[in-house]
Amino acid sequence: MIKILISLFVYLVCNADAAFASEYFVALHRDDNNVGDKDYPLKTIFKASELAMPGDTVSIMGGEYTLQKQFRSLRSGNFTQ
């Protein structure tokens, strides 16, 4: 019984980041005052990068984006396509 509890504890600790990860959406002609979810996406990649924390995902909808500011990630992460 104790081995099961220890295994469960280790599993929960190792997967805690994934449980609290968020996904932010960016779409052309939207608003950076939105919350960034799929129904109310953000307007700029820059705003999404400010909100995203390690483990979060930023999904960029199709379109041609013009960066108004130099983009520099505030936190480290991986780019996947």
N, C-alpha and C. Protein backbone atom coordinates (compact mmCIF):
# COMPACT_ATOMS: atom_id res chain seq x y z
N MET A 1 0.82 -1.19 0.00
CA MET A 1 0.00 0.00 0.00
C MET A 1 0.86 1.25 0.00
N ILE A 2 1.93 1.24 0.80
CA ILE A 2 2.80 2.42 0.88
C ILE A 2 3.50 2.67 -0.46
N LYS A 3 3.85 1.58 -1.18
CA LYS A 3 4.49 1.74 -2.49
C LYS A 3 3.54 2.41 -3.48
N ILE A 4 2.27 2.08 -3.41
CA ILE A 4 1.28 2.69 -4.30
C ILE A 4 1.16 4.17 -4.00
N LEU A 5 1.12 4.53 -2.73
CA LEU A 5 1.01 5.94 -2.35
C LEU A 5 2.25 6.73 -2.77
N ILE A 6 3.41 6.15 -2.61
CA ILE A 6 4.65 6.82 -3.03
C ILE A 6 4.67 6.98 -4.54
N SER A 7 4.27 5.95 -5.26
CA SER A 7 4.22 6.02 -6.73
C SER A 7 3.24 7.10 -7.19
N LEU A 8 2.10 7.16 -6.56
CA LEU A 8 1.11 8.18 -6.90
C LEU A 8 1.64 9.57 -6.61
N PHE A 9 2.29 9.76 -5.49
CA PHE A 9 2.87 11.05 -5.13
C PHE A 9 3.92 11.48 -6.16
N VAL A 10 4.82 10.58 -6.52
CA VAL A 10 5.86 10.88 -7.51
C VAL A 10 5.23 11.23 -8.85
N TYR A 11 4.23 10.49 -9.26
CA TYR A 11 3.55 10.77 -10.53
C TYR A 11 2.93 12.17 -10.51
N LEU A 12 2.25 12.52 -9.44
CA LEU A 12 1.61 13.83 -9.35
C LEU A 12 2.62 14.97 -9.34
N VAL A 13 3.72 14.79 -8.65
CA VAL A 13 4.76 15.82 -8.60
C VAL A 13 5.39 16.00 -9.98
N CYS A 14 5.66 14.92 -10.66
CA CYS A 14 6.30 14.99 -11.98
C CYS A 14 5.38 15.59 -13.04
N ASN A 15 4.09 15.45 -12.89
CA ASN A 15 3.15 15.94 -13.89
C ASN A 15 2.39 17.18 -13.45
N ALA A 16 2.82 17.81 -12.38
CA ALA A 16 2.11 18.99 -11.88
C ALA A 16 2.14 20.14 -12.87
N ASP A 17 3.26 20.35 -13.56
CA ASP A 17 3.35 21.45 -14.52
C ASP A 17 2.35 21.28 -15.65
N ALA A 18 2.19 20.08 -16.15
CA ALA A 18 1.26 19.84 -17.25
C ALA A 18 -0.18 20.07 -16.83
N ALA A 19 -0.49 19.79 -15.59
CA ALA A 19 -1.86 19.96 -15.10
C ALA A 19 -2.25 21.43 -15.04
N PHE A 20 -1.30 22.31 -14.85
CA PHE A 20 -1.60 23.73 -14.72
C PHE A 20 -1.18 24.55 -15.94
N ALA A 21 -0.79 23.88 -17.01
CA ALA A 21 -0.37 24.58 -18.22
C ALA A 21 -1.58 25.21 -18.89
N SER A 22 -1.35 26.36 -19.52
CA SER A 22 -2.40 27.08 -20.24
C SER A 22 -2.08 27.10 -21.73
N GLU A 23 -3.10 27.36 -22.52
CA GLU A 23 -2.89 27.56 -23.95
C GLU A 23 -3.46 28.92 -24.30
N TYR A 24 -2.63 29.73 -24.94
CA TYR A 24 -3.04 31.05 -25.39
C TYR A 24 -3.17 31.03 -26.91
N PHE A 25 -4.18 31.74 -27.42
CA PHE A 25 -4.43 31.81 -28.85
C PHE A 25 -4.22 33.24 -29.34
N VAL A 26 -3.66 33.35 -30.54
CA VAL A 26 -3.42 34.64 -31.18
C VAL A 26 -4.10 34.59 -32.54
N ALA A 27 -4.85 35.64 -32.88
CA ALA A 27 -5.52 35.71 -34.18
C ALA A 27 -5.52 37.15 -34.67
N LEU A 28 -5.41 37.30 -35.96
CA LEU A 28 -5.45 38.64 -36.56
C LEU A 28 -6.79 39.32 -36.25
N HIS A 29 -6.76 40.63 -36.15
CA HIS A 29 -7.96 41.45 -35.97
C HIS A 29 -8.71 41.11 -34.68
N ARG A 30 -7.98 40.76 -33.65
CA ARG A 30 -8.56 40.51 -32.33
C ARG A 30 -8.09 41.60 -31.39
N ASP A 31 -8.09 41.33 -30.09
CA ASP A 31 -7.80 42.38 -29.11
C ASP A 31 -6.85 41.85 -28.04
N ASP A 32 -5.81 42.61 -27.73
CA ASP A 32 -4.87 42.20 -26.68
C ASP A 32 -5.47 42.33 -25.29
N ASN A 33 -6.65 42.90 -25.18
CA ASN A 33 -7.35 42.94 -23.89
C ASN A 33 -8.17 41.68 -23.65
N ASN A 34 -8.26 40.81 -24.66
CA ASN A 34 -8.95 39.53 -24.49
C ASN A 34 -8.14 38.63 -23.56
N VAL A 35 -8.78 37.54 -23.13
CA VAL A 35 -8.12 36.61 -22.20
C VAL A 35 -7.16 35.67 -22.91
N GLY A 36 -7.27 35.53 -24.23
CA GLY A 36 -6.34 34.68 -24.97
C GLY A 36 -6.80 33.25 -25.14
N ASP A 37 -8.07 32.96 -24.82
CA ASP A 37 -8.55 31.61 -25.06
C ASP A 37 -9.04 31.49 -26.50
N LYS A 38 -9.53 30.32 -26.89
CA LYS A 38 -9.89 30.09 -28.28
C LYS A 38 -11.04 30.99 -28.75
N ASP A 39 -11.98 31.29 -27.86
CA ASP A 39 -13.11 32.15 -28.22
C ASP A 39 -12.76 33.63 -28.21
N TYR A 40 -11.80 34.01 -27.41
CA TYR A 40 -11.38 35.41 -27.28
C TYR A 40 -9.85 35.51 -27.38
N PRO A 41 -9.31 35.30 -28.59
CA PRO A 41 -7.86 35.29 -28.76
C PRO A 41 -7.23 36.67 -28.63
N LEU A 42 -5.94 36.66 -28.41
CA LEU A 42 -5.15 37.89 -28.35
C LEU A 42 -4.85 38.36 -29.78
N LYS A 43 -4.43 39.62 -29.89
CA LYS A 43 -4.12 40.17 -31.21
C LYS A 43 -2.66 39.98 -31.59
N THR A 44 -1.75 40.07 -30.61
CA THR A 44 -0.33 40.06 -30.95
C THR A 44 0.42 38.90 -30.30
N ILE A 45 1.43 38.44 -31.02
CA ILE A 45 2.32 37.41 -30.50
C ILE A 45 3.07 37.95 -29.29
N PHE A 46 3.39 39.23 -29.32
CA PHE A 46 4.11 39.86 -28.21
C PHE A 46 3.32 39.75 -26.91
N LYS A 47 2.02 40.04 -26.95
CA LYS A 47 1.19 39.96 -25.74
C LYS A 47 1.12 38.52 -25.23
N ALA A 48 0.99 37.57 -26.15
CA ALA A 48 0.95 36.16 -25.75
C ALA A 48 2.26 35.76 -25.07
N SER A 49 3.38 36.27 -25.59
CA SER A 49 4.67 35.93 -24.99
C SER A 49 4.82 36.53 -23.59
N GLU A 50 4.18 37.66 -23.35
CA GLU A 50 4.21 38.25 -22.01
C GLU A 50 3.42 37.42 -21.01
N LEU A 51 2.32 36.82 -21.45
CA LEU A 51 1.45 36.06 -20.56
C LEU A 51 1.92 34.63 -20.34
N ALA A 52 2.53 34.03 -21.36
CA ALA A 52 2.89 32.61 -21.30
C ALA A 52 3.99 32.34 -20.29
N MET A 53 3.81 31.28 -19.57
CA MET A 53 4.79 30.80 -18.59
C MET A 53 5.38 29.50 -19.12
N PRO A 54 6.53 29.05 -18.57
CA PRO A 54 7.09 27.77 -19.00
C PRO A 54 6.05 26.65 -18.89
N GLY A 55 5.93 25.88 -19.96
CA GLY A 55 4.95 24.80 -20.01
C GLY A 55 3.68 25.18 -20.74
N ASP A 56 3.42 26.48 -20.91
CA ASP A 56 2.24 26.94 -21.64
C ASP A 56 2.47 26.81 -23.14
N THR A 57 1.38 26.86 -23.89
CA THR A 57 1.41 26.78 -25.34
C THR A 57 0.80 28.04 -25.92
N VAL A 58 1.43 28.59 -26.96
CA VAL A 58 0.86 29.71 -27.70
C VAL A 58 0.54 29.20 -29.10
N SER A 59 -0.74 29.22 -29.46
CA SER A 59 -1.19 28.79 -30.78
C SER A 59 -1.48 30.03 -31.62
N ILE A 60 -0.81 30.13 -32.75
CA ILE A 60 -0.95 31.30 -33.62
C ILE A 60 -1.79 30.89 -34.82
N MET A 61 -2.95 31.53 -34.95
CA MET A 61 -3.85 31.23 -36.06
C MET A 61 -3.25 31.75 -37.37
N GLY A 62 -3.72 31.23 -38.48
CA GLY A 62 -3.20 31.60 -39.78
C GLY A 62 -3.30 33.08 -40.09
N GLY A 63 -2.40 33.56 -40.88
CA GLY A 63 -2.41 34.95 -41.29
C GLY A 63 -1.00 35.49 -41.38
N GLU A 64 -0.90 36.73 -41.82
CA GLU A 64 0.40 37.40 -41.93
C GLU A 64 0.49 38.45 -40.84
N TYR A 65 1.38 38.21 -39.89
CA TYR A 65 1.52 39.09 -38.73
C TYR A 65 2.68 40.05 -38.93
N THR A 66 2.46 41.29 -38.56
CA THR A 66 3.51 42.31 -38.58
C THR A 66 3.89 42.59 -37.14
N LEU A 67 5.15 42.37 -36.81
CA LEU A 67 5.61 42.63 -35.45
C LEU A 67 5.84 44.13 -35.28
N GLN A 68 5.15 44.73 -34.30
CA GLN A 68 5.27 46.15 -34.03
C GLN A 68 6.48 46.45 -33.13
N LYS A 69 6.89 45.46 -32.36
CA LYS A 69 8.03 45.58 -31.46
C LYS A 69 8.96 44.41 -31.75
N GLN A 70 10.22 44.58 -31.34
CA GLN A 70 11.15 43.46 -31.46
C GLN A 70 10.67 42.35 -30.54
N PHE A 71 10.57 41.16 -31.07
CA PHE A 71 10.12 40.03 -30.27
C PHE A 71 11.30 39.36 -29.60
N ARG A 72 11.23 39.28 -28.30
CA ARG A 72 12.23 38.56 -27.53
C ARG A 72 11.50 37.84 -26.41
N SER A 73 11.61 36.54 -26.41
CA SER A 73 10.92 35.74 -25.40
C SER A 73 11.39 36.13 -24.00
N LEU A 74 10.43 36.33 -23.10
CA LEU A 74 10.75 36.69 -21.72
C LEU A 74 11.16 35.49 -20.90
N ARG A 75 10.68 34.32 -21.29
CA ARG A 75 10.96 33.09 -20.57
C ARG A 75 11.39 32.02 -21.57
N SER A 76 12.14 31.04 -21.11
CA SER A 76 12.61 30.01 -22.04
C SER A 76 11.52 28.99 -22.32
N GLY A 77 11.65 28.29 -23.42
CA GLY A 77 10.70 27.27 -23.81
C GLY A 77 11.14 26.65 -25.12
N ASN A 78 10.30 25.83 -25.68
CA ASN A 78 10.60 25.16 -26.94
C ASN A 78 9.61 25.59 -28.00
N PHE A 79 10.08 25.66 -29.25
CA PHE A 79 9.22 25.96 -30.38
C PHE A 79 8.88 24.66 -31.07
N THR A 80 7.59 24.40 -31.24
CA THR A 80 7.16 23.23 -31.99
C THR A 80 6.23 23.68 -33.10
N GLN A 81 6.26 22.96 -34.17
CA GLN A 81 5.44 23.34 -35.32
C GLN A 81 4.48 22.27 -35.68
